[in-house]
Protein backbone atom coordinates (compact mmCIF):
# COMPACT_ATOMS: atom_id res chain seq x y z
CA MET A 1 -44.25 -37.60 33.38
CA GLY A 2 -47.95 -37.11 34.10
CA ARG A 3 -49.66 -34.40 32.15
CA CYS A 4 -47.46 -35.10 29.02
CA GLU A 5 -48.10 -38.60 28.62
CA PRO A 6 -50.81 -38.25 26.18
CA ARG A 7 -48.69 -35.99 24.11
CA ARG A 8 -45.11 -36.85 24.24
CA ASP A 9 -44.21 -34.16 21.17
CA LEU A 10 -45.71 -31.40 23.46
CA CYS A 11 -43.11 -32.26 26.42
CA ASN A 12 -39.90 -32.72 23.79
CA GLY A 13 -40.98 -29.53 22.19
CA PRO A 14 -38.61 -27.46 24.36
CA ARG A 15 -35.77 -29.91 24.07
CA LEU A 16 -35.94 -29.83 20.67
CA LEU A 17 -36.53 -26.11 20.03
CA GLY A 18 -33.26 -25.67 22.18
CA GLU A 19 -31.28 -28.19 20.01
CA GLN A 20 -32.60 -26.14 16.89
CA TRP A 21 -31.44 -22.74 18.97
CA LEU A 22 -27.84 -24.28 19.38
CA ARG A 23 -27.49 -25.53 15.65
CA ALA A 24 -28.32 -22.20 14.60
CA LEU A 25 -26.43 -20.33 16.96
CA PRO A 26 -23.23 -20.06 15.10
CA GLY A 27 -25.12 -18.28 11.97
CA LEU A 28 -26.90 -15.84 14.26
CA LEU A 29 -23.54 -14.98 16.09
CA LEU A 30 -22.26 -14.49 12.38
CA ALA A 31 -25.33 -12.40 11.38
CA LEU A 32 -24.83 -10.19 14.75
CA THR A 33 -21.55 -9.48 14.03
CA GLY A 34 -22.07 -8.25 10.73
CA LEU A 35 -24.88 -6.09 11.70
CA LEU A 36 -22.35 -4.69 14.87
CA ALA A 37 -19.84 -4.29 12.07
CA VAL A 38 -22.21 -2.36 10.00
CA GLU A 39 -23.04 -0.17 12.99
CA ARG A 40 -19.76 0.62 13.72
CA TRP A 41 -18.54 1.57 10.22
CA ALA A 42 -21.70 4.00 10.53
CA LEU A 43 -20.53 5.02 13.81
CA ALA A 44 -16.93 5.73 12.27
CA GLN A 45 -18.34 7.99 9.61
CA ALA A 46 -19.95 10.00 12.04
CA VAL A 47 -16.88 10.53 14.02
CA GLU A 48 -15.13 14.19 12.91
CA ALA A 49 -12.18 14.00 11.19
CA ILE A 50 -8.95 14.69 12.38
CA ALA A 51 -7.03 17.96 11.73
CA ALA A 52 -3.40 18.50 10.80
CA VAL A 53 -1.21 19.81 13.22
CA PRO A 54 1.59 22.01 12.03
CA ALA A 55 5.21 21.04 12.24
CA ALA A 56 7.60 22.26 14.19
CA ARG A 57 9.07 23.91 11.24
CA ASP A 58 7.14 25.92 8.70
CA GLY A 59 6.16 23.74 5.53
CA ALA A 60 5.36 20.70 6.97
CA TRP A 61 1.99 19.31 8.19
CA LEU A 62 1.66 16.03 10.63
CA TRP A 63 -1.56 13.26 11.32
CA VAL A 64 -1.23 10.43 13.49
CA LEU A 65 -3.63 7.59 12.17
CA PRO A 66 -6.41 6.85 14.81
CA ASP A 67 -7.60 3.38 15.96
CA THR A 68 -10.10 2.04 13.85
CA PRO A 69 -13.82 1.20 15.50
CA ASP A 70 -13.03 -2.71 15.33
CA GLY A 71 -10.09 -1.98 17.46
CA LEU A 72 -7.20 -2.00 15.13
CA LYS A 73 -4.04 -0.19 15.73
CA PRO A 74 -2.34 1.15 12.89
CA THR A 75 0.90 0.74 14.29
CA GLN A 76 2.66 0.28 10.45
CA SER A 77 1.94 1.76 7.12
CA TRP A 78 4.10 -0.42 4.06
CA HIS A 79 4.25 1.54 0.68
CA ALA A 80 0.55 2.23 1.24
CA THR A 81 0.11 6.17 0.41
CA GLY A 82 -1.25 7.35 -2.88
CA SER A 83 -3.34 10.52 -4.40
CA THR A 84 -6.01 10.54 -6.47
CA PRO A 85 -6.44 13.62 -9.39
CA ALA A 86 -8.18 15.76 -7.59
CA GLY A 87 -5.33 15.64 -4.92
CA ASN A 88 -6.71 13.86 -1.84
CA ILE A 89 -4.54 11.09 0.00
CA TYR A 90 -5.09 7.96 1.07
CA VAL A 91 -2.87 5.84 3.43
CA GLY A 92 -3.09 2.52 4.66
CA GLY A 93 -2.47 1.71 8.55
CA MET A 94 -2.06 -2.00 9.60
CA ASP A 95 -0.30 -3.81 12.74
CA HIS A 96 1.25 -6.43 10.32
CA ALA A 97 -0.79 -9.29 12.39
CA THR A 98 -4.33 -9.24 12.05
CA ASN A 99 -6.06 -6.45 10.23
CA SER A 100 -5.52 -3.40 7.67
CA ALA A 101 -7.33 0.02 7.41
CA LEU A 102 -8.02 2.40 5.01
CA TYR A 103 -7.76 6.38 5.79
CA ARG A 104 -8.21 10.08 3.64
CA ILE A 105 -7.02 13.11 3.77
CA ASN A 106 -9.10 16.09 2.38
CA SER A 107 -6.14 18.06 1.24
CA LEU A 108 -8.57 21.05 1.13
CA THR A 109 -9.43 20.77 4.72
CA ASN A 110 -6.50 19.56 6.02
CA ARG A 111 -8.72 16.78 7.71
CA LEU A 112 -7.88 12.90 7.77
CA ALA A 113 -10.27 10.34 8.17
CA TYR A 114 -11.00 6.46 8.83
CA VAL A 115 -12.66 5.29 5.48
CA GLY A 116 -12.81 1.59 6.33
CA ASP A 117 -11.13 -1.55 7.00
CA ALA A 118 -10.38 -4.89 5.49
CA ARG A 119 -12.07 -7.12 8.28
CA ALA A 120 -15.11 -4.83 8.55
CA ALA A 121 -15.56 -4.99 4.75
CA SER A 122 -15.11 -8.71 4.42
CA LEU A 123 -17.48 -9.22 7.10
CA GLN A 124 -20.05 -6.72 5.60
CA ALA A 125 -19.88 -9.08 2.27
CA GLY A 126 -20.08 -12.19 3.91
CA ASN A 127 -16.64 -13.15 3.04
CA LEU A 128 -14.74 -13.38 6.50
CA GLN A 129 -13.84 -16.80 7.72
CA PRO A 130 -12.83 -17.85 11.11
CA GLY A 131 -9.53 -16.81 12.18
CA GLU A 132 -8.38 -15.02 8.96
CA THR A 133 -6.22 -11.95 9.04
CA PHE A 134 -5.39 -9.24 6.87
CA GLU A 135 -1.38 -8.54 7.65
CA LYS A 136 -1.19 -5.52 5.49
CA PHE A 137 -2.26 -3.28 2.61
CA HIS A 138 1.07 -3.30 1.04
CA THR A 139 -0.33 -2.25 -2.37
CA ARG A 140 -0.08 1.83 -2.97
CA PRO A 141 -4.05 2.87 -2.87
CA THR A 142 -4.60 2.91 -6.57
CA TRP A 143 -7.18 5.06 -8.58
CA LEU A 144 -9.19 3.76 -11.22
CA GLY A 145 -12.44 4.78 -12.70
CA GLY A 146 -13.36 6.96 -9.38
CA LYS A 147 -12.30 4.36 -7.07
CA ILE A 148 -9.37 3.52 -4.80
CA TYR A 149 -8.14 -0.10 -5.22
CA VAL A 150 -5.94 -1.96 -2.31
CA ALA A 151 -5.31 -5.39 -1.70
CA THR A 152 -4.26 -7.48 1.24
CA MET A 153 -0.86 -9.15 1.54
CA ASP A 154 -1.41 -11.68 4.51
CA TYR A 155 2.06 -13.18 4.45
CA SER A 156 5.53 -11.76 3.93
CA GLY A 157 8.17 -14.65 4.01
CA ILE A 158 9.81 -15.60 0.91
CA ASP A 159 8.65 -19.76 1.37
CA ASP A 160 5.45 -21.66 1.46
CA GLY A 161 4.63 -20.51 4.47
CA TYR A 162 1.82 -18.81 2.17
CA LEU A 163 0.27 -21.70 1.42
CA ASP A 164 -1.59 -21.50 5.27
CA ARG A 165 -3.22 -18.46 4.27
CA ARG A 166 -6.54 -18.34 2.17
CA GLY A 167 -5.42 -15.75 -0.49
CA SER A 168 -5.38 -11.97 -0.93
CA HIS A 169 -8.96 -9.79 -0.97
CA LEU A 170 -9.23 -7.23 -3.35
CA TYR A 171 -10.95 -4.03 -2.34
CA ALA A 172 -12.54 -0.68 -3.46
CA PHE A 173 -13.15 2.42 -2.30
CA ASP A 174 -16.11 4.80 -3.71
CA PRO A 175 -16.02 7.87 -2.29
CA LYS A 176 -19.37 8.51 -3.44
CA THR A 177 -21.02 6.05 -1.47
CA ALA A 178 -18.16 6.35 1.07
CA LYS A 179 -18.09 2.65 1.34
CA LEU A 180 -14.88 0.05 1.38
CA VAL A 181 -15.96 -3.14 -0.43
CA ASP A 182 -14.51 -6.81 -0.89
CA LEU A 183 -14.32 -7.04 -4.49
CA SER A 184 -13.02 -10.80 -4.04
CA ALA A 185 -16.42 -11.91 -2.47
CA LEU A 186 -17.63 -12.35 -5.84
CA GLU A 187 -14.87 -14.25 -7.05
CA PRO A 188 -14.49 -18.50 -6.96
CA GLY A 189 -12.94 -18.72 -3.24
CA GLY A 190 -13.35 -15.38 -2.19
CA VAL A 191 -9.92 -14.73 -3.07
CA SER A 192 -7.88 -13.04 -5.96
CA ALA A 193 -6.01 -16.11 -5.98
CA PRO A 194 -5.49 -18.88 -3.47
CA HIS A 195 -3.19 -18.48 -0.80
CA VAL A 196 -0.83 -15.75 -2.24
CA SER A 197 -0.77 -12.17 -0.85
CA VAL A 198 -0.78 -9.18 -3.76
CA VAL A 199 2.05 -6.83 -3.05
CA THR A 200 1.79 -4.39 -5.89
CA ILE A 201 -1.13 -3.17 -8.06
CA ALA A 202 -0.81 -1.03 -11.52
CA ALA A 203 -3.73 0.27 -13.13
CA ASP A 204 -4.37 0.02 -16.78
CA ALA A 205 -7.21 2.54 -17.18
CA ALA A 206 -7.74 2.85 -20.75
CA ARG A 207 -8.62 -1.14 -20.85
CA GLY A 208 -10.23 -1.06 -17.10
CA VAL A 209 -7.97 -3.63 -15.57
CA LEU A 210 -5.69 -3.86 -12.81
CA TYR A 211 -2.23 -5.80 -12.89
CA GLU A 212 -1.26 -7.54 -9.13
CA ALA A 213 1.70 -8.86 -8.39
CA ALA A 214 1.44 -11.72 -5.94
CA GLY A 215 3.84 -13.13 -3.51
CA PRO A 216 5.99 -14.99 -2.79
CA THR A 217 5.77 -16.69 -6.15
CA GLY A 218 5.95 -14.11 -8.69
CA GLU A 219 2.88 -14.50 -10.50
CA ILE A 220 0.68 -12.13 -12.33
CA LEU A 221 -3.11 -11.80 -12.10
CA ARG A 222 -5.27 -9.35 -14.14
CA TYR A 223 -8.33 -7.69 -12.46
CA ASP A 224 -11.11 -7.16 -14.91
CA ILE A 225 -13.44 -4.61 -13.46
CA ALA A 226 -16.16 -4.90 -15.72
CA GLN A 227 -16.32 -8.27 -15.71
CA LYS A 228 -15.47 -8.58 -11.80
CA LYS A 229 -13.11 -11.51 -12.56
CA THR A 230 -9.48 -12.11 -11.93
CA THR A 231 -7.27 -13.89 -14.01
CA ASN A 232 -3.92 -15.60 -13.16
CA LEU A 233 -1.60 -14.84 -15.90
CA GLY A 234 1.27 -16.76 -14.60
CA ARG A 235 4.95 -15.98 -14.61
CA PRO A 236 8.14 -15.80 -16.79
CA VAL A 237 9.32 -19.19 -17.24
CA ALA A 238 13.12 -18.17 -16.47
CA TYR A 239 12.40 -17.57 -12.91
CA ASP A 240 14.69 -20.00 -11.33
CA ARG A 241 13.01 -20.85 -7.90
CA PRO A 242 9.49 -21.29 -6.66
CA TYR A 243 9.66 -18.70 -4.25
CA LEU A 244 11.09 -14.97 -4.98
CA TYR A 245 11.03 -11.24 -4.06
CA VAL A 246 8.41 -9.19 -5.89
CA GLY A 247 9.33 -5.77 -7.09
CA ARG A 248 6.98 -3.30 -5.32
CA PHE A 249 6.14 -1.39 -8.46
CA MET A 250 4.96 -1.72 -12.08
CA TRP A 251 3.76 0.45 -14.52
CA VAL A 252 1.84 0.11 -17.90
CA ASP A 253 2.54 2.01 -21.38
CA SER A 254 0.19 3.45 -23.75
CA ARG A 255 0.14 0.06 -25.63
CA GLY A 256 -1.08 -1.79 -22.69
CA GLN A 257 2.21 -3.44 -21.60
CA LEU A 258 2.79 -4.18 -18.45
CA TYR A 259 6.37 -3.71 -17.03
CA PHE A 260 7.90 -5.33 -13.60
CA SER A 261 11.00 -6.86 -12.22
CA ALA A 262 11.66 -9.00 -9.36
CA GLY A 263 15.12 -10.23 -6.92
CA ASN A 264 16.46 -7.80 -4.19
CA THR A 265 19.83 -9.52 -2.67
CA ALA A 266 18.84 -6.98 0.62
CA TYR A 267 16.77 -10.21 1.36
CA VAL A 268 18.22 -12.82 -0.53
CA THR A 269 21.59 -12.98 -1.54
CA ASP A 270 22.02 -15.33 -4.79
CA TYR A 271 19.60 -13.74 -7.18
CA ASP A 272 21.11 -14.66 -10.64
CA PRO A 273 21.49 -11.27 -12.19
CA SER A 274 21.37 -13.15 -15.52
CA ILE A 275 17.92 -13.62 -14.63
CA TYR A 276 16.83 -10.50 -12.57
CA GLN A 277 19.03 -7.67 -12.95
CA HIS A 278 16.90 -6.48 -16.01
CA ILE A 279 13.05 -5.20 -16.63
CA ARG A 280 10.38 -7.73 -17.54
CA PHE A 281 6.99 -7.09 -19.51
CA TYR A 282 3.59 -8.90 -20.22
CA ARG A 283 1.91 -7.87 -23.10
CA PRO A 284 -1.92 -8.68 -23.36
CA GLY A 285 -2.73 -11.26 -25.74
CA VAL A 286 0.82 -12.19 -26.16
CA GLY A 287 2.45 -13.27 -22.96
CA PHE A 288 5.39 -12.55 -20.96
CA GLY A 289 8.87 -11.24 -22.41
CA GLN A 290 11.89 -9.10 -21.10
CA ARG A 291 14.27 -6.08 -22.07
CA LYS A 292 17.59 -7.42 -21.02
CA ASP A 293 18.85 -4.09 -22.53
CA TRP A 294 16.84 -2.14 -19.91
CA LYS A 295 19.56 -3.25 -17.29
CA LEU A 296 19.35 -2.51 -13.51
CA GLU A 297 22.33 -1.14 -11.93
CA ALA A 298 22.20 -4.00 -9.08
CA THR A 299 20.19 -6.88 -8.27
CA HIS A 300 17.52 -4.49 -6.35
CA SER A 301 14.32 -4.80 -8.51
CA ILE A 302 12.30 -1.10 -8.78
CA ALA A 303 10.66 -0.30 -5.32
CA THR A 304 8.85 3.02 -6.29
CA GLY A 305 7.64 5.32 -9.12
CA GLN A 306 6.12 8.13 -10.45
CA CYS A 307 4.92 8.59 -13.83
CA LEU A 308 4.00 12.12 -15.43
CA ASN A 309 2.20 13.57 -18.13
CA GLY A 310 0.08 10.83 -18.53
CA GLY A 311 2.65 7.99 -18.55
CA ALA A 312 4.87 9.65 -21.20
CA VAL A 313 7.65 9.86 -18.84
CA CYS A 314 8.11 7.40 -15.56
CA TYR A 315 10.88 7.95 -13.00
CA LEU A 316 11.40 4.82 -10.93
CA ALA A 317 13.80 3.88 -8.20
CA ASP A 318 15.23 0.75 -6.31
CA ASP A 319 15.57 0.96 -2.31
CA GLN A 320 18.68 2.07 -2.56
CA SER A 321 18.14 5.19 -4.16
CA ARG A 322 19.15 4.53 -7.83
CA ILE A 323 16.58 6.21 -10.31
CA TYR A 324 16.08 5.26 -13.82
CA ARG A 325 13.77 7.08 -16.06
CA PHE A 326 11.31 5.28 -18.75
CA THR A 327 10.07 7.00 -21.71
CA ASP A 328 6.85 5.91 -23.47
CA ARG A 329 7.78 7.01 -26.93
CA GLY A 330 10.18 4.35 -28.29
CA PRO A 331 9.63 3.28 -25.58
CA SER A 332 13.37 3.98 -24.10
CA TRP A 333 15.08 3.20 -20.95
CA ALA A 334 17.82 5.05 -18.92
CA TYR A 335 19.87 4.97 -15.70
CA ILE A 336 19.76 8.37 -14.05
CA GLY A 337 21.96 8.36 -10.87
CA ARG A 338 21.88 7.62 -7.50
CA VAL A 339 20.84 9.89 -4.55
CA THR A 340 24.23 10.05 -2.13
CA THR A 341 22.45 9.23 1.16
CA GLY A 342 25.29 7.73 3.10
CA SER A 343 23.18 4.37 4.07
CA GLY A 344 19.26 3.70 4.75
CA MET A 345 16.95 2.30 2.68
CA VAL A 346 15.04 4.66 0.81
CA TRP A 347 11.23 3.78 0.36
CA VAL A 348 10.20 7.44 -0.01
CA PHE A 349 10.27 8.81 -3.67
CA HIS A 350 8.30 11.75 -4.93
CA VAL A 351 8.89 13.49 -8.39
CA THR A 352 7.90 17.21 -9.52
CA ALA A 353 5.28 17.84 -11.81
CA ASP A 354 7.89 19.19 -14.14
CA GLY A 355 10.38 16.34 -13.89
CA SER A 356 13.26 18.45 -12.74
CA LYS A 357 13.47 17.38 -8.89
CA ALA A 358 12.84 14.25 -6.69
CA TYR A 359 12.31 14.01 -2.95
CA VAL A 360 13.31 10.99 -0.87
CA VAL A 361 13.54 10.13 3.00
CA THR A 362 16.15 7.46 4.22
CA THR A 363 14.69 4.86 6.48
CA GLY A 364 16.90 3.79 9.88
CA SER A 365 18.62 5.52 12.64
CA ALA A 366 19.28 8.62 11.62
CA PRO A 367 16.41 9.52 8.54
CA ALA A 368 16.74 12.79 6.73
CA LEU A 369 15.06 14.27 3.35
CA TYR A 370 17.23 14.95 0.23
CA GLU A 371 16.37 16.39 -2.79
CA TYR A 372 17.64 15.38 -6.07
CA ASP A 373 18.08 17.68 -9.20
CA LEU A 374 17.05 15.05 -12.10
CA VAL A 375 18.72 17.46 -14.71
CA THR A 376 21.91 18.21 -13.02
CA ARG A 377 21.86 14.77 -11.41
CA THR A 378 22.96 15.97 -7.81
CA SER A 379 22.08 15.67 -4.44
CA VAL A 380 21.76 17.45 -1.54
CA ARG A 381 20.92 16.81 1.95
CA LEU A 382 18.19 19.28 2.78
CA CYS A 383 17.75 18.17 6.99
CA ALA A 384 17.21 15.35 9.50
CA LEU A 385 13.47 14.63 9.84
CA GLU A 386 14.16 15.42 13.77
CA ASP A 387 14.54 19.16 12.28
CA ILE A 388 11.31 19.26 10.74
CA ASP A 389 9.36 18.09 14.15
CA PRO A 390 11.04 16.48 17.09
CA GLY A 391 8.05 14.15 17.35
CA PHE A 392 9.69 11.97 14.49
CA THR A 393 12.06 10.82 17.33
CA GLY A 394 11.77 6.78 17.60
CA TYR A 395 10.11 6.61 13.86
CA ASP A 396 12.69 4.78 11.73
CA ARG A 397 10.69 3.71 9.06
CA HIS A 398 9.26 5.52 6.20
CA THR A 399 7.30 4.88 3.28
CA GLY A 400 5.18 6.29 0.39
CA TYR A 401 5.50 7.67 -2.93
CA ASN A 402 3.39 9.16 -5.95
CA ALA A 403 1.44 11.36 -3.20
CA TRP A 404 0.99 14.94 -3.97
CA ASP A 405 -1.91 17.09 -3.61
CA LYS A 406 -2.83 20.41 -5.38
CA GLN A 407 -0.72 22.65 -3.27
CA GLY A 408 2.27 21.16 -4.15
CA ARG A 409 2.79 19.05 -0.92
CA PHE A 410 3.83 15.13 -1.20
CA TYR A 411 2.93 13.04 1.75
CA PHE A 412 4.65 9.88 3.49
CA ALA A 413 3.92 7.97 6.29
CA SER A 414 6.29 6.91 9.45
CA PHE A 415 6.06 4.34 12.00
CA ALA A 416 8.41 2.41 14.55
CA SER A 417 10.23 -0.58 13.52
CA ALA A 418 10.95 -3.89 16.09
CA SER A 419 14.49 -2.04 17.02
CA SER A 420 12.82 0.99 18.11
CA PRO A 421 11.16 1.64 21.73
CA LEU A 422 8.33 2.98 20.01
CA PHE A 423 7.45 -0.32 18.26
CA GLY A 424 3.94 -1.78 18.99
CA ARG A 425 2.80 1.05 20.93
CA ALA A 426 2.87 4.43 18.41
CA ASN A 427 0.58 4.59 15.75
CA VAL A 428 1.54 5.80 11.96
CA ARG A 429 2.34 9.39 11.75
CA VAL A 430 1.33 11.00 8.08
CA THR A 431 3.67 14.05 7.24
CA ALA A 432 2.77 16.34 4.18
CA ILE A 433 5.62 18.50 2.94
CA ASP A 434 5.72 21.89 0.91
CA PRO A 435 9.16 21.31 -0.47
CA VAL A 436 9.22 25.52 -1.25
CA ARG A 437 8.04 26.45 2.04
CA LEU A 438 10.09 24.05 3.98
CA LYS A 439 13.53 24.67 2.37
CA ALA A 440 12.88 28.66 2.68
CA ALA A 441 12.20 28.01 6.45
CA LEU A 442 15.32 26.19 6.46
CA GLN A 443 17.40 28.63 4.95
CA VAL A 444 16.18 31.10 7.20
CA ASP A 445 17.09 29.25 10.18
CA ARG A 446 20.82 28.81 8.36
CA LEU A 447 21.06 32.44 7.94
CA ARG A 448 20.50 33.18 11.81
CA THR A 449 22.98 30.46 12.49
CA HIS A 450 25.80 32.14 10.50
CA ASN A 451 24.66 35.75 11.36
CA PRO A 452 23.40 35.59 14.90
């Protein structure tokens, strides 16, 4: 004790200082992690974008989503391909377990680049909790007011397991600042709504709001961009169960009315057709309603869609390739027909700007590209995906709708399911197809086959 006896505070000083450092350590580590995330983000912007690789057959181009700077390996992409008015393409890549990222393709240069991920953006915003995950950007990247919006789905089950999750985060990517921002950081609890996941986004550009469909409850959320606030609007009282399959596509008409659907017998078999086999709506200031005369041909909610001419006409499809047409004038509803695909889910759906044709890709062990004539209501199988490029071997899941560039090419994402030997090992592939050039190349090959 000798020298310290006269001044015990000096002797205890080092010990007290050490305790203070220990108490402060978690906060310092979080701050350091945030700084590292910022540095990784900055480095990612400096990484050279990836150039497209021409497919084996003319009329198609390919990219592979790269791993992110913070270690995400994007092995899946669920309904997360969208475009902007300028024709740039945004694609979500995820691992269905920990994190989700956003990528952009500059359609003029044919180069793809990482622009941000959920974990890094939330960490930067101080809105990341220990152990929090971001399984999917399940939403189509949606353009509104000069920014791209995506939201997280962190639980895919149709049961009460979602209660163990914190809730969905809403993000905006601003091309001007080249930054992905966690908008939910400013909301109570740091999420759009407690526990739920956002499955679907629809934009009301005239009113500056985003509608979000929440899984597995079926609630509808509304985010006001100017107020930076989310409101839970509830759900239709007619739903006969607490948890249900949420429709993957919603749309808004010129009156500001939101249309949506729910239920899918491929996942839960006992959906009552009288409740689920038609279109429902939400009218601002009034509430929920239904159009029982707007029938669905089966208890399969709308999975994909594309609106043309400023929303005057929308073409919509379920995951069995049944196609419907909504007309804003009236409004009106009609069943168009079904693409003859044989088998396989359909999560790729692209309609030409003149509304004359639709292109779909089947999912499963033998994926193929089909063209459907929306006027004559006839189907043509164009080719197997492996005929476009042999690199499609092992990629048996394909998603993406309403993603066109200014060169007349549509885009979709491909990945491997659990039944494929590539599952968990192969990163997502993105494909651009010019249908005019591809059909010309296919026709040349057919002529060579018949006239050797």
